[in-house]
Protein backbone atom coordinates (compact mmCIF):
# COMPACT_ATOMS: atom_id res chain seq x y z
CA MET A 1 14.48 95.09 58.90
CA ILE A 2 12.15 92.04 58.78
CA GLY A 3 8.74 92.75 57.16
CA HIS A 4 5.42 92.03 58.74
CA PRO A 5 4.61 88.25 58.42
CA ALA A 6 1.02 88.76 57.22
CA LEU A 7 2.14 91.22 54.55
CA THR A 8 4.83 88.81 53.32
CA VAL A 9 2.36 85.93 52.94
CA ALA A 10 -0.11 88.12 51.08
CA THR A 11 2.61 89.32 48.72
CA MET A 12 3.71 85.76 47.94
CA GLY A 13 0.11 84.68 47.30
CA LEU A 14 -0.40 87.53 44.86
CA PHE A 15 2.82 86.56 43.04
CA LEU A 16 1.71 82.95 42.67
CA LEU A 17 -1.71 83.93 41.28
CA THR A 18 -0.07 86.22 38.74
CA SER A 19 2.35 83.46 37.64
CA CYS A 20 -0.50 80.94 37.18
CA ALA A 21 -2.40 83.37 35.01
CA ASP A 22 0.62 83.82 32.75
CA HIS A 23 1.46 80.07 32.61
CA PRO A 24 -1.61 77.74 32.68
CA PRO A 25 -1.07 74.29 34.25
CA ALA A 26 0.33 71.55 32.04
CA VAL A 27 -2.63 69.34 32.98
CA ILE A 28 -5.00 71.46 30.91
CA GLU A 29 -2.72 71.18 27.88
CA ASN A 30 -2.54 67.40 28.32
CA LYS A 31 -6.32 67.08 28.42
CA SER A 32 -6.59 69.09 25.23
CA THR A 33 -3.95 66.91 23.54
CA LEU A 34 -5.69 63.68 24.55
CA ALA A 35 -8.99 64.91 23.18
CA VAL A 36 -7.39 65.48 19.77
CA GLU A 37 -5.64 62.10 19.79
CA GLU A 38 -8.89 60.25 20.53
CA VAL A 39 -10.60 61.54 17.38
CA PRO A 40 -9.02 59.00 14.97
CA GLU A 41 -10.08 56.13 17.27
CA ILE A 42 -13.68 57.33 17.17
CA ARG A 43 -13.55 57.61 13.40
CA GLU A 44 -12.08 54.11 13.07
CA ALA A 45 -15.03 52.69 14.98
CA THR A 46 -17.61 53.84 12.48
CA PRO A 47 -19.71 50.97 11.05
CA GLY A 48 -18.61 51.67 7.48
CA SER A 49 -14.99 50.66 8.02
CA ARG A 50 -13.76 47.08 7.67
CA ASP A 51 -10.90 45.25 9.34
CA TYR A 52 -10.39 42.18 7.16
CA GLY A 53 -10.16 41.48 3.49
CA PRO A 54 -10.28 44.92 1.87
CA GLU A 55 -11.94 44.49 -1.48
CA LEU A 56 -9.83 44.48 -4.61
CA PRO A 57 -9.42 47.78 -6.49
CA THR A 58 -12.63 48.76 -8.19
CA GLY A 59 -12.72 48.11 -11.90
CA PRO A 60 -13.99 45.66 -14.49
CA ASN A 61 -11.19 43.12 -14.07
CA TYR A 62 -8.40 41.75 -11.92
CA VAL A 63 -5.02 40.57 -13.21
CA VAL A 64 -3.94 37.26 -11.67
CA GLU A 65 -0.73 37.36 -9.65
CA PRO A 66 1.57 34.49 -8.59
CA GLY A 67 0.01 32.54 -5.72
CA ASP A 68 -3.59 33.51 -6.53
CA THR A 69 -6.31 30.91 -6.85
CA LEU A 70 -9.84 31.45 -8.06
CA TYR A 71 -10.97 30.84 -4.48
CA SER A 72 -8.64 33.43 -2.95
CA VAL A 73 -9.63 36.10 -5.48
CA ALA A 74 -13.33 35.38 -4.90
CA PHE A 75 -12.69 35.39 -1.13
CA ARG A 76 -11.20 38.88 -1.31
CA LEU A 77 -14.13 40.06 -3.42
CA GLY A 78 -16.69 38.57 -1.03
CA MET A 79 -18.04 36.60 -3.99
CA ASP A 80 -18.97 32.96 -4.55
CA HIS A 81 -16.15 31.27 -6.47
CA ARG A 82 -18.71 29.77 -8.86
CA THR A 83 -19.96 33.24 -9.76
CA LEU A 84 -16.44 34.45 -10.53
CA ALA A 85 -15.86 31.32 -12.60
CA GLU A 86 -19.10 31.91 -14.53
CA PHE A 87 -18.13 35.49 -15.32
CA ASN A 88 -14.95 34.14 -16.94
CA ASP A 89 -16.15 30.84 -18.47
CA ILE A 90 -13.76 28.87 -16.25
CA GLU A 91 -14.60 25.21 -15.69
CA PRO A 92 -13.53 22.98 -12.76
CA PRO A 93 -10.88 22.53 -11.49
CA PHE A 94 -10.81 26.33 -11.90
CA VAL A 95 -7.28 26.84 -13.21
CA ILE A 96 -6.19 30.48 -13.48
CA ARG A 97 -2.86 31.69 -14.85
CA VAL A 98 -0.46 34.48 -14.01
CA GLY A 99 -1.33 37.57 -16.05
CA GLN A 100 -4.87 36.41 -16.81
CA SER A 101 -7.47 39.18 -16.70
CA LEU A 102 -10.49 38.09 -14.68
CA ASN A 103 -13.83 39.82 -15.12
CA THR A 104 -15.14 40.76 -11.66
CA ALA A 105 -18.58 41.56 -13.09
CA PRO A 106 -20.54 40.05 -15.97
CA THR A 107 -19.62 41.33 -19.42
CA ALA A 108 -22.28 43.00 -21.56
CA ALA A 109 -22.71 39.85 -23.65
CA LYS A 110 -23.04 37.61 -20.59
CA SER A 111 -25.43 40.04 -18.89
CA ALA A 112 -27.68 39.88 -21.94
CA VAL A 113 -27.68 36.09 -21.79
CA MET A 114 -28.40 36.07 -18.05
CA GLN A 115 -31.28 38.53 -18.49
CA LYS A 116 -32.75 36.85 -21.55
CA PRO A 117 -36.40 35.87 -20.88
CA ALA A 118 -37.19 32.18 -20.82
CA GLY A 119 -38.60 30.81 -24.09
CA SER A 120 -37.19 33.65 -26.16
CA ASP A 121 -34.75 31.46 -28.10
CA THR A 122 -35.08 31.74 -31.85
CA ALA A 123 -33.68 29.61 -34.64
CA PRO A 124 -30.14 30.62 -35.58
CA THR A 125 -29.69 32.53 -38.78
CA THR A 126 -26.80 32.25 -41.22
CA ALA A 127 -24.69 35.35 -41.15
CA SER A 128 -23.48 36.87 -44.35
CA PRO A 129 -19.79 37.79 -44.74
CA ASP A 130 -20.68 41.44 -44.20
CA THR A 131 -22.58 40.72 -40.97
CA ALA A 132 -20.29 38.29 -39.20
CA PRO A 133 -20.86 38.29 -35.43
CA ALA A 134 -18.41 40.25 -33.33
CA PRO A 135 -16.11 38.21 -31.10
CA THR A 136 -17.34 37.86 -27.53
CA ASP A 137 -15.35 39.01 -24.54
CA SER A 138 -14.92 35.87 -22.47
CA GLY A 139 -12.50 34.85 -19.76
CA LEU A 140 -11.13 32.06 -21.96
CA ASP A 141 -10.04 34.57 -24.58
CA GLN A 142 -8.01 36.40 -21.92
CA VAL A 143 -5.99 33.41 -20.69
CA PRO A 144 -2.28 33.93 -21.48
CA SER A 145 0.19 31.12 -22.09
CA GLY A 146 1.82 31.66 -18.71
CA PRO A 147 2.08 29.08 -15.93
CA PRO A 148 -0.71 28.35 -13.43
CA SER A 149 -0.78 30.97 -10.69
CA HIS A 150 -0.12 28.30 -8.07
CA THR A 151 1.66 25.00 -8.50
CA LEU A 152 -1.04 23.09 -6.61
CA SER A 153 -4.07 24.94 -7.92
CA THR A 154 -5.07 21.95 -10.07
CA ALA A 155 -4.20 19.24 -7.55
CA LYS A 156 -7.68 17.91 -6.88
CA ALA A 157 -11.19 18.36 -8.15
CA ALA A 158 -13.86 19.96 -6.02
CA ARG A 159 -15.64 17.92 -3.36
CA PRO A 160 -19.23 16.91 -4.05
CA ASN A 161 -21.89 18.95 -2.30
CA VAL A 162 -22.01 16.75 0.81
CA PRO A 163 -23.71 18.49 3.74
CA VAL A 164 -21.62 19.34 6.80
CA ASP A 165 -22.93 17.07 9.54
CA ARG A 166 -21.25 18.85 12.41
CA TRP A 167 -19.02 21.87 12.86
CA SER A 168 -16.31 21.90 15.53
CA TRP A 169 -14.33 24.69 17.15
CA PRO A 170 -11.01 25.20 15.33
CA ALA A 171 -9.03 26.13 18.45
CA LYS A 172 -9.20 26.48 22.19
CA GLY A 173 -9.49 29.94 23.67
CA GLU A 174 -12.02 32.62 24.43
CA VAL A 175 -13.69 34.65 21.71
CA SER A 176 -11.78 37.92 21.95
CA ARG A 177 -13.77 39.60 19.21
CA ALA A 178 -17.23 38.77 17.92
CA PHE A 179 -18.66 38.63 14.41
CA SER A 180 -20.01 41.83 12.86
CA ASP A 181 -21.73 42.16 9.48
CA GLU A 182 -20.19 45.59 8.93
CA ARG A 183 -16.68 45.40 10.38
CA HIS A 184 -15.60 41.90 11.38
CA LYS A 185 -16.30 39.01 9.01
CA GLY A 186 -15.53 36.26 11.53
CA ILE A 187 -14.50 35.71 15.13
CA ASP A 188 -11.13 35.97 16.87
CA LEU A 189 -9.99 33.30 19.30
CA ALA A 190 -7.23 34.30 21.74
CA GLY A 191 -4.51 31.77 22.50
CA GLN A 192 -0.83 30.96 22.78
CA ARG A 193 1.67 31.05 19.94
CA GLY A 194 2.02 27.60 18.44
CA ALA A 195 -1.32 26.34 19.74
CA PRO A 196 -2.96 23.81 17.38
CA ILE A 197 -5.47 24.99 14.78
CA LYS A 198 -7.84 22.26 13.57
CA ALA A 199 -10.16 21.92 10.59
CA THR A 200 -13.72 22.78 11.60
CA ALA A 201 -15.04 20.12 9.20
CA ALA A 202 -13.77 17.80 6.49
CA GLY A 203 -12.85 19.37 3.17
CA VAL A 204 -10.17 20.30 0.66
CA VAL A 205 -7.60 23.07 1.15
CA VAL A 206 -8.19 25.49 -1.73
CA TYR A 207 -5.76 28.21 -0.61
CA ALA A 208 -2.63 28.26 1.55
CA GLY A 209 -0.53 31.42 1.53
CA THR A 210 -0.05 35.04 2.49
CA GLY A 211 -1.50 36.84 -0.53
CA VAL A 212 -4.84 37.93 0.97
CA THR A 213 -4.41 41.34 2.58
CA GLY A 214 -5.00 41.52 6.32
CA TYR A 215 -5.10 37.78 7.03
CA GLY A 216 -1.41 36.92 7.33
CA ALA A 217 -0.65 33.24 6.74
CA LEU A 218 -4.09 32.01 5.66
CA LEU A 219 -5.74 28.67 4.96
CA ILE A 220 -9.09 28.35 3.15
CA ILE A 221 -10.91 25.01 3.22
CA LYS A 222 -13.77 24.13 0.89
CA HIS A 223 -16.24 21.82 2.65
CA ASN A 224 -18.77 21.55 -0.17
CA ASP A 225 -20.23 23.72 -2.93
CA THR A 226 -21.86 25.94 -0.29
CA TYR A 227 -19.41 26.38 2.59
CA LEU A 228 -15.82 27.58 2.99
CA SER A 229 -13.91 28.15 6.22
CA ALA A 230 -10.88 30.41 6.65
CA TYR A 231 -8.10 30.47 9.26
CA GLY A 232 -5.93 33.59 9.49
CA HIS A 233 -2.81 34.93 11.27
CA ASN A 234 -1.22 31.49 11.56
CA ASP A 235 2.39 31.11 12.64
CA GLU A 236 2.82 27.94 10.56
CA LEU A 237 0.72 26.27 7.88
CA LEU A 238 0.70 22.47 8.17
CA ALA A 239 -1.73 21.69 5.35
CA VAL A 240 -1.00 22.35 1.69
CA GLU A 241 -3.21 23.42 -1.15
CA GLY A 242 -5.08 20.53 -2.71
CA GLU A 243 -4.86 18.38 0.44
CA ARG A 244 -7.97 16.66 1.77
CA VAL A 245 -8.35 17.18 5.51
CA GLU A 246 -10.62 15.57 8.07
CA ALA A 247 -12.67 17.27 10.76
CA GLY A 248 -10.44 17.94 13.76
CA GLN A 249 -7.20 17.45 11.82
CA MET A 250 -4.41 19.82 12.83
CA ILE A 251 -3.82 22.17 9.90
CA ALA A 252 -1.82 25.09 11.36
CA ARG A 253 -0.28 26.64 14.46
CA MET A 254 -1.61 29.85 16.00
CA GLY A 255 0.39 33.00 15.44
CA SER A 256 0.24 36.73 14.85
CA THR A 257 1.10 37.25 11.17
CA SER A 258 -0.45 40.55 9.99
CA SER A 259 -1.78 41.06 13.53
CA ASP A 260 -0.74 42.84 16.71
CA ALA A 261 -1.65 39.87 18.92
CA VAL A 262 -1.51 36.08 18.87
CA LYS A 263 -4.94 34.84 17.80
CA LEU A 264 -6.89 32.87 15.24
CA HIS A 265 -9.18 34.80 12.94
CA PHE A 266 -11.83 32.28 11.88
CA GLU A 267 -14.52 32.67 9.23
CA ILE A 268 -17.26 30.55 7.71
CA ARG A 269 -18.66 31.68 4.36
CA ARG A 270 -21.89 30.47 2.79
CA ASN A 271 -22.03 30.96 -0.97
CA GLY A 272 -19.17 33.43 -0.64
CA ARG A 273 -20.78 35.57 2.06
CA PRO A 274 -19.57 35.63 5.70
CA VAL A 275 -21.89 34.17 8.33
CA ASN A 276 -21.55 34.17 12.12
CA PRO A 277 -19.53 31.05 12.98
CA VAL A 278 -20.97 30.94 16.50
CA ALA A 279 -24.41 30.26 15.02
CA LEU A 280 -23.06 27.02 13.48
CA LEU A 281 -20.52 25.90 16.09
CA PRO A 282 -21.63 23.75 19.07
CA ALA A 283 -22.17 25.39 22.42
CA ARG A 284 -19.17 25.23 24.74
């Protein structure tokens, strides 16, 4: 016997409601999952985190590795290369050697000299055999007999402190990411793989390699005693360490080394500290 149509529909509706109560829709579970997955992204966006150039391990010194230059170590530390040289009594052309221990902060003896009030010099006294002065801890005492850390690290002396007359854009392309004091030490320029990268101003290449974490194939150019420029994620480096380059000279090809996209990461540093390149570059 066929049941009453209205009763059948009501029975089916009651069955469906009961099933939904026992098995919630998958959409609710998906929303919950997405909310959990978004948490790391929010945490990564906090101002305290940094994208480029994580600082070297904390400690009183850094042991030079093959490929390092004084400029690249100072670059990673966010320090003026002259300051790092002063901490270690290193004179131009700033040769460092594999295995050398570099002080990343002034030693106690050097701090005392730096903090000594002006005019406080006194006449030297002759030390007796029992009161001979203790040896000082200087960078020169820590230099091993190993080879220079880079074969071209002594190629050329530093440029004189000639002012930069005009900065130029190092590559074509839109700024895909802007400068940030807290997170992003330069700007990113989007472009095509193999696109030309040009020197923003005349200078000397003081680093060419892949030893600086987060920058991929990197070039650093010293323009004078005040300014450096850096070009990261290159696909090919066309300039070598120690080479003098002119403004607008092609020095690399754009790539994506140590990056998830093809781009140029470009920095300008004044006395070792990053500045916003857009503030120096001409308007487009």
